[in-house]
Amino acid sequence: MSSIGLPPVTTVVKDARTYAVDLAERVASTFVVATGGVLITATTDTVGHLSFWQSVAAGGVAAAGSLIKGILARAFGAKDSASLAKGV
């Protein structure tokens, strides 16, 4: 610890790496879940032309998928994290 109360450089680097891994995993999983939500709610005649309510439903599916993913991450990963990434 430095004399002015700053954490050691190794702690800062580790925390930055942990944050980057957590953020990358959450961004990727949100993309996958949101895309799945669109694919689930779209019908063959509306692909490429989602209605307002289909868009809202896709957002709901994405939110539900993220919730399920967070619950599974807690069950199978670290107990104090919603991330599936190791060490987060």
Protein backbone atom coordinates (compact mmCIF):
# COMPACT_ATOMS: atom_id res chain seq x y z
CA MET A 1 0.00 0.00 0.00
CA SER A 2 1.31 3.41 -0.87
CA SER A 3 1.59 6.22 1.65
CA ILE A 4 -1.37 8.07 0.10
CA GLY A 5 -3.75 5.13 0.37
CA LEU A 6 -3.68 3.79 -3.19
CA PRO A 7 -3.94 0.02 -3.76
CA PRO A 8 -0.97 -1.85 -5.19
CA VAL A 9 -0.59 -1.81 -8.98
CA THR A 10 -1.14 -5.60 -9.13
CA THR A 11 -4.56 -5.16 -7.52
CA VAL A 12 -5.55 -2.45 -9.99
CA VAL A 13 -4.42 -4.56 -12.98
CA LYS A 14 -6.21 -7.65 -11.65
CA ASP A 15 -9.41 -5.68 -11.06
CA ALA A 16 -9.23 -4.14 -14.55
CA ARG A 17 -8.73 -7.58 -16.11
CA THR A 18 -11.62 -9.02 -14.07
CA TYR A 19 -13.85 -6.16 -15.15
CA ALA A 20 -12.88 -6.56 -18.83
CA VAL A 21 -13.56 -10.32 -18.77
CA ASP A 22 -16.89 -9.82 -16.98
CA LEU A 23 -17.95 -7.05 -19.36
CA ALA A 24 -16.99 -9.02 -22.49
CA GLU A 25 -18.88 -12.08 -21.28
CA ARG A 26 -22.00 -10.07 -20.44
CA VAL A 27 -21.96 -8.24 -23.77
CA ALA A 28 -21.57 -11.49 -25.71
CA SER A 29 -24.27 -13.30 -23.75
CA THR A 30 -26.68 -10.36 -24.08
CA PHE A 31 -26.15 -10.35 -27.85
CA VAL A 32 -26.85 -14.09 -28.05
CA VAL A 33 -29.94 -13.85 -25.82
CA ALA A 34 -31.34 -10.78 -27.62
CA THR A 35 -30.81 -12.39 -31.02
CA GLY A 36 -32.55 -15.51 -29.72
CA GLY A 37 -35.43 -13.36 -28.50
CA VAL A 38 -35.87 -11.82 -31.94
CA LEU A 39 -35.71 -15.22 -33.63
CA ILE A 40 -38.25 -16.71 -31.20
CA THR A 41 -40.75 -13.86 -31.55
CA ALA A 42 -40.45 -13.33 -35.31
CA THR A 43 -42.68 -15.26 -37.66
CA THR A 44 -41.81 -16.23 -41.22
CA ASP A 45 -43.81 -13.36 -42.69
CA THR A 46 -42.33 -10.72 -40.34
CA VAL A 47 -38.62 -11.52 -40.52
CA GLY A 48 -36.93 -8.19 -41.14
CA HIS A 49 -40.14 -6.29 -40.27
CA LEU A 50 -40.85 -6.61 -36.56
CA SER A 51 -43.92 -4.92 -35.20
CA PHE A 52 -43.74 -2.78 -32.09
CA TRP A 53 -45.14 -5.50 -29.84
CA GLN A 54 -42.84 -8.14 -31.32
CA SER A 55 -39.92 -5.86 -30.52
CA VAL A 56 -41.17 -5.45 -26.96
CA ALA A 57 -41.58 -9.23 -26.69
CA ALA A 58 -38.03 -9.74 -27.98
CA GLY A 59 -36.77 -7.43 -25.23
CA GLY A 60 -38.74 -9.44 -22.67
CA VAL A 61 -37.28 -12.71 -23.93
CA ALA A 62 -33.78 -11.21 -23.75
CA ALA A 63 -34.39 -10.01 -20.18
CA ALA A 64 -35.75 -13.40 -19.13
CA GLY A 65 -32.79 -15.14 -20.77
CA SER A 66 -30.35 -12.87 -18.95
CA LEU A 67 -32.11 -13.59 -15.66
CA ILE A 68 -31.93 -17.35 -16.25
CA LYS A 69 -28.26 -17.04 -17.25
CA GLY A 70 -27.51 -15.12 -14.03
CA ILE A 71 -29.25 -17.75 -11.92
CA LEU A 72 -27.37 -20.56 -13.69
CA ALA A 73 -24.10 -18.66 -13.25
CA ARG A 74 -24.71 -18.47 -9.51
CA ALA A 75 -25.60 -22.16 -9.37
CA PHE A 76 -22.64 -23.37 -11.42
CA GLY A 77 -20.09 -20.57 -10.99
CA ALA A 78 -18.94 -18.25 -8.24
CA LYS A 79 -21.62 -17.75 -5.59
CA ASP A 80 -21.11 -13.97 -5.50
CA SER A 81 -21.18 -13.29 -9.24
CA ALA A 82 -23.69 -13.39 -12.08
CA SER A 83 -20.86 -14.15 -14.48
CA LEU A 84 -19.94 -17.54 -15.95
CA ALA A 85 -16.38 -16.35 -16.63
CA LYS A 86 -13.72 -17.93 -14.40
CA GLY A 87 -12.33 -15.68 -11.69
CA VAL A 88 -15.06 -13.04 -11.88
